[in-house]
């Protein structure tokens, strides 16, 4: 777990500020004495998303999916694509874009990509799909799968 968060921290630290990418504030590595030995914990600090994820916003109190109006869907899609474009300009692939990894902020006026745990720099994975661990299969882009 610590290595995964360290890798996520490394990717996030490479990304300059962008309005559609969650703001990374830093990472803290702590050691804790446990009865069976020392344990290491890594905590990533990011901005607060007061409205949670897009997935939670789409879910009704009864657990049913409630679609957004078309204009709001397109507005969010545009912002998500702006974030993806920014990442790709840095040769970074998110690799796990889904509603759970899109945060809703500013009273629903802004969305930001988050969860860079499976993200990678293109140079780090070039020619080796087997290096991609933890991606959500149904949301993986065709060029990554084939």
N, C-alpha and C. Protein backbone atom coordinates (compact mmCIF):
# COMPACT_ATOMS: atom_id res chain seq x y z
N UNK A 1 0.82 -1.20 0.00
CA UNK A 1 0.00 0.00 0.00
C UNK A 1 0.87 1.26 0.00
N UNK A 2 1.93 1.24 0.79
CA UNK A 2 2.81 2.41 0.85
C UNK A 2 3.45 2.65 -0.51
N UNK A 3 3.88 1.58 -1.19
CA UNK A 3 4.50 1.73 -2.51
C UNK A 3 3.53 2.29 -3.53
N UNK A 4 2.26 1.84 -3.46
CA UNK A 4 1.24 2.34 -4.38
C UNK A 4 1.02 3.83 -4.18
N UNK A 5 0.90 4.24 -2.92
CA UNK A 5 0.69 5.66 -2.63
C UNK A 5 1.93 6.48 -2.97
N UNK A 6 3.10 5.90 -2.81
CA UNK A 6 4.34 6.59 -3.19
C UNK A 6 4.36 6.82 -4.70
N UNK A 7 3.96 5.80 -5.47
CA UNK A 7 3.90 5.94 -6.93
C UNK A 7 2.88 7.00 -7.33
N UNK A 8 1.72 7.01 -6.65
CA UNK A 8 0.70 8.02 -6.93
C UNK A 8 1.23 9.41 -6.59
N UNK A 9 1.93 9.53 -5.48
CA UNK A 9 2.52 10.81 -5.08
C UNK A 9 3.53 11.29 -6.11
N UNK A 10 4.34 10.37 -6.63
CA UNK A 10 5.33 10.73 -7.65
C UNK A 10 4.67 11.27 -8.91
N UNK A 11 3.59 10.61 -9.35
CA UNK A 11 2.86 11.08 -10.54
C UNK A 11 2.25 12.45 -10.27
N UNK A 12 1.56 12.59 -9.13
CA UNK A 12 0.90 13.86 -8.81
C UNK A 12 1.89 15.01 -8.72
N UNK A 13 3.08 14.75 -8.22
CA UNK A 13 4.07 15.82 -8.09
C UNK A 13 4.61 16.28 -9.46
N UNK A 14 4.40 15.48 -10.50
CA UNK A 14 4.82 15.85 -11.85
C UNK A 14 3.80 16.73 -12.58
N UNK A 15 2.60 16.83 -12.01
CA UNK A 15 1.51 17.52 -12.70
C UNK A 15 1.40 18.96 -12.20
N UNK A 16 1.65 19.94 -13.08
CA UNK A 16 1.44 21.34 -12.68
C UNK A 16 -0.05 21.59 -12.43
N UNK A 17 -0.34 22.60 -11.65
CA UNK A 17 -1.72 22.93 -11.31
C UNK A 17 -2.59 23.06 -12.56
N UNK A 18 -3.80 22.52 -12.46
CA UNK A 18 -4.78 22.61 -13.54
C UNK A 18 -6.16 22.62 -12.92
N UNK A 19 -7.07 23.37 -13.51
CA UNK A 19 -8.41 23.53 -12.93
C UNK A 19 -9.23 22.25 -12.93
N UNK A 20 -8.84 21.24 -13.71
CA UNK A 20 -9.62 20.00 -13.77
C UNK A 20 -8.84 18.77 -13.29
N UNK A 21 -7.78 19.02 -12.53
CA UNK A 21 -7.01 17.95 -11.88
C UNK A 21 -6.99 18.29 -10.39
N UNK A 22 -7.29 17.30 -9.56
CA UNK A 22 -7.30 17.54 -8.12
C UNK A 22 -5.95 18.10 -7.65
N UNK A 23 -6.01 19.04 -6.74
CA UNK A 23 -4.79 19.69 -6.25
C UNK A 23 -4.12 18.80 -5.21
N UNK A 24 -2.87 18.45 -5.49
CA UNK A 24 -2.06 17.63 -4.60
C UNK A 24 -1.32 18.56 -3.66
N UNK A 25 -1.54 18.38 -2.36
CA UNK A 25 -0.93 19.25 -1.36
C UNK A 25 0.34 18.67 -0.76
N UNK A 26 0.52 17.36 -0.86
CA UNK A 26 1.72 16.74 -0.33
C UNK A 26 1.45 15.34 0.19
N UNK A 27 2.51 14.70 0.65
CA UNK A 27 2.41 13.35 1.19
C UNK A 27 3.15 13.29 2.51
N UNK A 28 2.66 12.46 3.41
CA UNK A 28 3.28 12.27 4.71
C UNK A 28 3.52 10.78 4.91
N UNK A 29 4.75 10.42 5.22
CA UNK A 29 5.09 9.03 5.51
C UNK A 29 5.33 8.93 7.01
N UNK A 30 4.56 8.07 7.67
CA UNK A 30 4.66 7.92 9.12
C UNK A 30 5.02 6.49 9.47
N UNK A 31 5.80 6.34 10.52
CA UNK A 31 6.10 5.01 11.04
C UNK A 31 5.42 4.89 12.39
N UNK A 32 4.81 3.75 12.61
CA UNK A 32 4.05 3.52 13.83
C UNK A 32 4.53 2.21 14.44
N UNK A 33 4.78 2.22 15.73
CA UNK A 33 5.21 0.99 16.39
C UNK A 33 3.99 0.14 16.69
N UNK A 34 4.00 -1.07 16.19
CA UNK A 34 2.95 -2.03 16.48
C UNK A 34 3.56 -3.19 17.26
N UNK A 35 2.73 -4.01 17.86
CA UNK A 35 3.23 -5.13 18.66
C UNK A 35 4.11 -6.06 17.85
N UNK A 36 3.78 -6.23 16.57
CA UNK A 36 4.54 -7.15 15.73
C UNK A 36 5.59 -6.44 14.87
N UNK A 37 5.92 -5.22 15.20
CA UNK A 37 6.95 -4.49 14.46
C UNK A 37 6.44 -3.16 13.96
N UNK A 38 7.33 -2.42 13.33
CA UNK A 38 6.99 -1.09 12.83
C UNK A 38 6.11 -1.20 11.59
N UNK A 39 5.16 -0.31 11.48
CA UNK A 39 4.31 -0.23 10.29
C UNK A 39 4.46 1.15 9.69
N UNK A 40 4.51 1.19 8.37
CA UNK A 40 4.61 2.47 7.68
C UNK A 40 3.26 2.83 7.07
N UNK A 41 2.90 4.08 7.19
CA UNK A 41 1.67 4.59 6.61
C UNK A 41 2.00 5.80 5.75
N UNK A 42 1.40 5.84 4.58
CA UNK A 42 1.57 6.99 3.70
C UNK A 42 0.21 7.64 3.53
N UNK A 43 0.16 8.94 3.69
CA UNK A 43 -1.09 9.68 3.53
C UNK A 43 -0.89 10.76 2.48
N UNK A 44 -1.79 10.78 1.51
CA UNK A 44 -1.77 11.82 0.50
C UNK A 44 -2.73 12.91 0.92
N UNK A 45 -2.30 14.15 0.81
CA UNK A 45 -3.16 15.28 1.16
C UNK A 45 -3.57 15.99 -0.12
N UNK A 46 -4.90 16.13 -0.27
CA UNK A 46 -5.45 16.77 -1.46
C UNK A 46 -6.55 17.72 -1.03
N UNK A 47 -6.95 18.55 -1.98
CA UNK A 47 -8.02 19.50 -1.69
C UNK A 47 -9.31 18.78 -1.33
N UNK A 48 -10.16 19.45 -0.59
CA UNK A 48 -11.44 18.90 -0.19
C UNK A 48 -12.44 19.03 -1.34
N UNK A 49 -13.11 17.94 -1.64
CA UNK A 49 -14.19 17.95 -2.64
C UNK A 49 -15.51 17.89 -1.88
N UNK A 50 -16.07 19.05 -1.66
CA UNK A 50 -17.24 19.15 -0.77
C UNK A 50 -18.46 18.39 -1.26
N UNK A 51 -18.51 18.06 -2.55
CA UNK A 51 -19.68 17.33 -3.08
C UNK A 51 -19.36 15.88 -3.40
N UNK A 52 -18.19 15.39 -3.03
CA UNK A 52 -17.84 14.00 -3.27
C UNK A 52 -17.57 13.71 -4.74
N UNK A 53 -17.81 12.48 -5.12
CA UNK A 53 -17.53 12.06 -6.49
C UNK A 53 -18.75 12.22 -7.38
N UNK A 54 -18.50 12.19 -8.67
CA UNK A 54 -19.59 12.23 -9.65
C UNK A 54 -20.48 11.01 -9.48
N UNK A 55 -19.89 9.87 -9.14
CA UNK A 55 -20.68 8.64 -8.94
C UNK A 55 -21.69 8.82 -7.80
N UNK A 56 -21.25 9.41 -6.69
CA UNK A 56 -22.18 9.61 -5.57
C UNK A 56 -23.24 10.65 -5.90
N UNK A 57 -22.88 11.62 -6.73
CA UNK A 57 -23.84 12.63 -7.15
C UNK A 57 -24.94 12.03 -8.04
N UNK A 58 -24.57 11.02 -8.83
CA UNK A 58 -25.52 10.40 -9.76
C UNK A 58 -26.44 9.39 -9.09
N UNK A 59 -26.11 9.00 -7.86
CA UNK A 59 -26.88 7.97 -7.18
C UNK A 59 -27.97 8.59 -6.31
N UNK A 60 -29.20 8.10 -6.47
CA UNK A 60 -30.31 8.60 -5.66
C UNK A 60 -30.24 8.00 -4.26
N UNK A 61 -31.10 8.48 -3.37
CA UNK A 61 -31.15 7.96 -2.01
C UNK A 61 -31.54 6.48 -1.99
N UNK A 62 -32.27 6.04 -3.02
CA UNK A 62 -32.69 4.64 -3.13
C UNK A 62 -31.63 3.78 -3.80
N UNK A 63 -30.51 4.37 -4.18
CA UNK A 63 -29.44 3.62 -4.82
C UNK A 63 -29.57 3.50 -6.32
N UNK A 64 -30.55 4.16 -6.89
CA UNK A 64 -30.76 4.12 -8.34
C UNK A 64 -29.91 5.19 -9.02
N UNK A 65 -29.59 4.95 -10.28
CA UNK A 65 -28.82 5.90 -11.06
C UNK A 65 -29.74 7.00 -11.59
N UNK A 66 -29.39 8.24 -11.32
CA UNK A 66 -30.15 9.39 -11.81
C UNK A 66 -29.32 10.14 -12.83
N UNK A 67 -29.70 10.09 -14.10
CA UNK A 67 -28.89 10.77 -15.12
C UNK A 67 -28.94 12.29 -14.96
N UNK A 68 -27.88 12.93 -15.40
CA UNK A 68 -27.81 14.39 -15.39
C UNK A 68 -28.48 14.95 -16.64
N UNK A 69 -28.94 16.18 -16.59
CA UNK A 69 -29.43 16.83 -17.81
C UNK A 69 -28.30 16.89 -18.84
N UNK A 70 -28.65 16.86 -20.11
CA UNK A 70 -27.66 16.82 -21.18
C UNK A 70 -26.66 17.97 -21.10
N UNK A 71 -27.14 19.19 -20.86
CA UNK A 71 -26.21 20.32 -20.83
C UNK A 71 -25.19 20.20 -19.69
N UNK A 72 -25.63 19.69 -18.54
CA UNK A 72 -24.70 19.50 -17.42
C UNK A 72 -23.72 18.36 -17.72
N UNK A 73 -24.21 17.29 -18.34
CA UNK A 73 -23.34 16.17 -18.73
C UNK A 73 -22.25 16.64 -19.68
N UNK A 74 -22.62 17.43 -20.67
CA UNK A 74 -21.64 17.94 -21.64
C UNK A 74 -20.65 18.89 -20.97
N UNK A 75 -21.14 19.70 -20.04
CA UNK A 75 -20.28 20.62 -19.30
C UNK A 75 -19.23 19.85 -18.51
N UNK A 76 -19.65 18.78 -17.83
CA UNK A 76 -18.72 17.95 -17.06
C UNK A 76 -17.76 17.21 -17.99
N UNK A 77 -18.29 16.66 -19.09
CA UNK A 77 -17.45 15.94 -20.04
C UNK A 77 -16.35 16.85 -20.59
N UNK A 78 -16.70 18.08 -20.92
CA UNK A 78 -15.71 19.04 -21.42
C UNK A 78 -14.59 19.24 -20.40
N UNK A 79 -14.96 19.40 -19.13
CA UNK A 79 -13.96 19.61 -18.08
C UNK A 79 -13.08 18.37 -17.88
N UNK A 80 -13.69 17.19 -17.93
CA UNK A 80 -12.92 15.95 -17.80
C UNK A 80 -11.92 15.85 -18.94
N UNK A 81 -12.36 16.15 -20.16
CA UNK A 81 -11.46 16.08 -21.31
C UNK A 81 -10.36 17.13 -21.23
N UNK A 82 -10.64 18.28 -20.65
CA UNK A 82 -9.59 19.29 -20.45
C UNK A 82 -8.51 18.73 -19.51
N UNK A 83 -8.93 18.03 -18.47
CA UNK A 83 -7.98 17.40 -17.55
C UNK A 83 -7.17 16.32 -18.24
N UNK A 84 -7.84 15.49 -19.05
CA UNK A 84 -7.14 14.43 -19.79
C UNK A 84 -6.15 15.03 -20.76
N UNK A 85 -6.55 16.09 -21.46
CA UNK A 85 -5.65 16.75 -22.41
C UNK A 85 -4.40 17.27 -21.69
N UNK A 86 -4.60 17.85 -20.52
CA UNK A 86 -3.47 18.35 -19.73
C UNK A 86 -2.52 17.20 -19.36
N UNK A 87 -3.09 16.09 -18.90
CA UNK A 87 -2.26 14.94 -18.54
C UNK A 87 -1.50 14.41 -19.75
N UNK A 88 -2.19 14.27 -20.88
CA UNK A 88 -1.54 13.74 -22.08
C UNK A 88 -0.46 14.68 -22.59
N UNK A 89 -0.62 15.98 -22.39
CA UNK A 89 0.43 16.92 -22.80
C UNK A 89 1.70 16.72 -21.97
N UNK A 90 1.56 16.08 -20.81
CA UNK A 90 2.69 15.77 -19.94
C UNK A 90 3.14 14.32 -20.09
N UNK A 91 2.56 13.62 -21.07
CA UNK A 91 2.82 12.18 -21.31
C UNK A 91 2.41 11.31 -20.13
N UNK A 92 1.35 11.72 -19.43
CA UNK A 92 0.82 10.95 -18.30
C UNK A 92 -0.53 10.38 -18.71
N UNK A 93 -0.73 9.09 -18.43
CA UNK A 93 -1.99 8.42 -18.70
C UNK A 93 -2.69 8.15 -17.37
N UNK A 94 -3.95 8.53 -17.25
CA UNK A 94 -4.69 8.31 -16.01
C UNK A 94 -5.02 6.83 -15.83
N UNK A 95 -5.54 6.20 -16.87
CA UNK A 95 -5.81 4.77 -16.95
C UNK A 95 -6.98 4.27 -16.12
N UNK A 96 -7.70 5.13 -15.43
CA UNK A 96 -8.85 4.66 -14.63
C UNK A 96 -9.92 5.74 -14.51
N UNK A 97 -10.29 6.33 -15.63
CA UNK A 97 -11.30 7.39 -15.60
C UNK A 97 -12.68 6.75 -15.51
N UNK A 98 -13.38 7.09 -14.46
CA UNK A 98 -14.74 6.64 -14.22
C UNK A 98 -15.38 7.63 -13.26
N UNK A 99 -16.69 7.54 -13.09
CA UNK A 99 -17.41 8.51 -12.26
C UNK A 99 -16.89 8.56 -10.82
N UNK A 100 -16.42 7.44 -10.30
CA UNK A 100 -15.88 7.41 -8.94
C UNK A 100 -14.59 8.23 -8.81
N UNK A 101 -13.90 8.45 -9.93
CA UNK A 101 -12.62 9.16 -9.93
C UNK A 101 -12.74 10.58 -10.48
N UNK A 102 -13.95 11.11 -10.45
CA UNK A 102 -14.21 12.49 -10.84
C UNK A 102 -14.85 13.18 -9.63
N UNK A 103 -14.19 14.21 -9.11
CA UNK A 103 -14.70 14.93 -7.94
C UNK A 103 -15.52 16.13 -8.38
N UNK A 104 -16.55 16.45 -7.59
CA UNK A 104 -17.43 17.58 -7.87
C UNK A 104 -17.16 18.66 -6.84
N UNK A 105 -16.85 19.87 -7.32
CA UNK A 105 -16.50 20.98 -6.43
C UNK A 105 -17.27 22.24 -6.82
N UNK A 106 -17.09 23.26 -6.01
CA UNK A 106 -17.62 24.60 -6.27
C UNK A 106 -19.13 24.57 -6.57
N UNK A 107 -19.86 23.88 -5.71
CA UNK A 107 -21.30 23.84 -5.86
C UNK A 107 -21.76 23.15 -7.13
N UNK A 108 -20.96 22.24 -7.64
CA UNK A 108 -21.31 21.52 -8.86
C UNK A 108 -20.86 22.21 -10.13
N UNK A 109 -20.12 23.31 -10.00
CA UNK A 109 -19.69 24.06 -11.19
C UNK A 109 -18.35 23.57 -11.74
N UNK A 110 -17.65 22.72 -11.01
CA UNK A 110 -16.35 22.24 -11.48
C UNK A 110 -16.19 20.76 -11.14
N UNK A 111 -15.59 20.02 -12.08
CA UNK A 111 -15.22 18.64 -11.80
C UNK A 111 -13.72 18.49 -12.02
N UNK A 112 -13.12 17.57 -11.25
CA UNK A 112 -11.68 17.34 -11.33
C UNK A 112 -11.38 15.85 -11.30
N UNK A 113 -10.40 15.45 -12.09
CA UNK A 113 -9.93 14.06 -12.05
C UNK A 113 -9.15 13.83 -10.77
N UNK A 114 -9.33 12.64 -10.20
CA UNK A 114 -8.60 12.25 -9.00
C UNK A 114 -8.24 10.78 -9.10
N UNK A 115 -7.64 10.24 -8.07
CA UNK A 115 -7.21 8.84 -7.98
C UNK A 115 -6.22 8.49 -9.09
N UNK A 116 -4.99 8.85 -8.86
CA UNK A 116 -3.92 8.59 -9.81
C UNK A 116 -3.11 7.35 -9.43
N UNK A 117 -3.75 6.44 -8.69
CA UNK A 117 -3.08 5.23 -8.23
C UNK A 117 -2.65 4.30 -9.35
N UNK A 118 -3.35 4.33 -10.48
CA UNK A 118 -2.97 3.49 -11.62
C UNK A 118 -2.36 4.31 -12.74
N UNK A 119 -2.24 5.61 -12.55
CA UNK A 119 -1.68 6.48 -13.59
C UNK A 119 -0.21 6.14 -13.83
N UNK A 120 0.25 6.44 -15.03
CA UNK A 120 1.64 6.14 -15.37
C UNK A 120 2.14 7.12 -16.41
N UNK A 121 3.44 7.34 -16.40
CA UNK A 121 4.08 8.12 -17.46
C UNK A 121 4.25 7.17 -18.63
N UNK A 122 3.99 7.64 -19.82
CA UNK A 122 4.02 6.78 -21.01
C UNK A 122 5.35 6.07 -21.16
N UNK A 123 6.45 6.70 -20.79
CA UNK A 123 7.77 6.07 -20.90
C UNK A 123 7.92 4.89 -19.94
N UNK A 124 7.18 4.91 -18.84
CA UNK A 124 7.29 3.84 -17.84
C UNK A 124 6.55 2.57 -18.24
N UNK A 125 5.58 2.68 -19.16
CA UNK A 125 4.79 1.50 -19.52
C UNK A 125 4.90 1.14 -20.99
N UNK A 126 5.65 1.90 -21.75
CA UNK A 126 5.74 1.66 -23.19
C UNK A 126 6.12 0.22 -23.48
N UNK A 127 5.30 -0.43 -24.30
CA UNK A 127 5.58 -1.78 -24.73
C UNK A 127 5.28 -2.87 -23.72
N UNK A 128 4.65 -2.55 -22.61
CA UNK A 128 4.39 -3.57 -21.60
C UNK A 128 3.05 -3.36 -20.92
N UNK A 129 2.01 -3.92 -21.51
CA UNK A 129 0.67 -3.83 -20.94
C UNK A 129 0.63 -4.57 -19.59
N UNK A 130 1.49 -5.56 -19.41
CA UNK A 130 1.48 -6.33 -18.15
C UNK A 130 1.84 -5.47 -16.94
N UNK A 131 2.43 -4.29 -17.17
CA UNK A 131 2.78 -3.40 -16.06
C UNK A 131 1.56 -2.67 -15.49
N UNK A 132 0.43 -2.73 -16.21
CA UNK A 132 -0.77 -2.02 -15.78
C UNK A 132 -1.54 -2.87 -14.78
N UNK A 133 -1.45 -2.50 -13.52
CA UNK A 133 -2.15 -3.24 -12.48
C UNK A 133 -3.14 -2.31 -11.81
N UNK A 134 -4.31 -2.85 -11.50
CA UNK A 134 -5.29 -2.08 -10.75
C UNK A 134 -6.22 -1.24 -11.59
N UNK A 135 -6.12 -1.32 -12.92
CA UNK A 135 -7.04 -0.55 -13.74
C UNK A 135 -8.41 -1.22 -13.70
N UNK A 136 -9.46 -0.46 -13.91
CA UNK A 136 -10.81 -1.00 -13.95
C UNK A 136 -11.07 -1.51 -15.36
N UNK A 137 -11.21 -2.84 -15.54
CA UNK A 137 -11.28 -3.41 -16.90
C UNK A 137 -12.33 -2.78 -17.80
N UNK A 138 -13.53 -2.54 -17.31
CA UNK A 138 -14.59 -2.00 -18.16
C UNK A 138 -14.36 -0.55 -18.56
N UNK A 139 -13.44 0.12 -17.91
CA UNK A 139 -13.16 1.52 -18.21
C UNK A 139 -11.80 1.72 -18.87
N UNK A 140 -11.11 0.63 -19.19
CA UNK A 140 -9.79 0.72 -19.81
C UNK A 140 -9.94 1.00 -21.29
N UNK A 141 -9.17 1.94 -21.79
CA UNK A 141 -9.29 2.33 -23.20
C UNK A 141 -8.79 1.21 -24.11
N UNK A 142 -9.37 1.11 -25.31
CA UNK A 142 -9.01 0.03 -26.24
C UNK A 142 -7.53 -0.02 -26.58
N UNK A 143 -6.89 1.14 -26.73
CA UNK A 143 -5.47 1.12 -27.10
C UNK A 143 -4.59 0.55 -26.00
N UNK A 144 -5.08 0.53 -24.77
CA UNK A 144 -4.32 -0.06 -23.67
C UNK A 144 -4.54 -1.57 -23.63
N UNK A 145 -5.76 -2.01 -23.94
CA UNK A 145 -6.11 -3.42 -23.86
C UNK A 145 -5.53 -4.21 -25.03
N UNK A 146 -5.57 -3.65 -26.23
CA UNK A 146 -5.16 -4.39 -27.44
C UNK A 146 -3.80 -3.98 -27.93
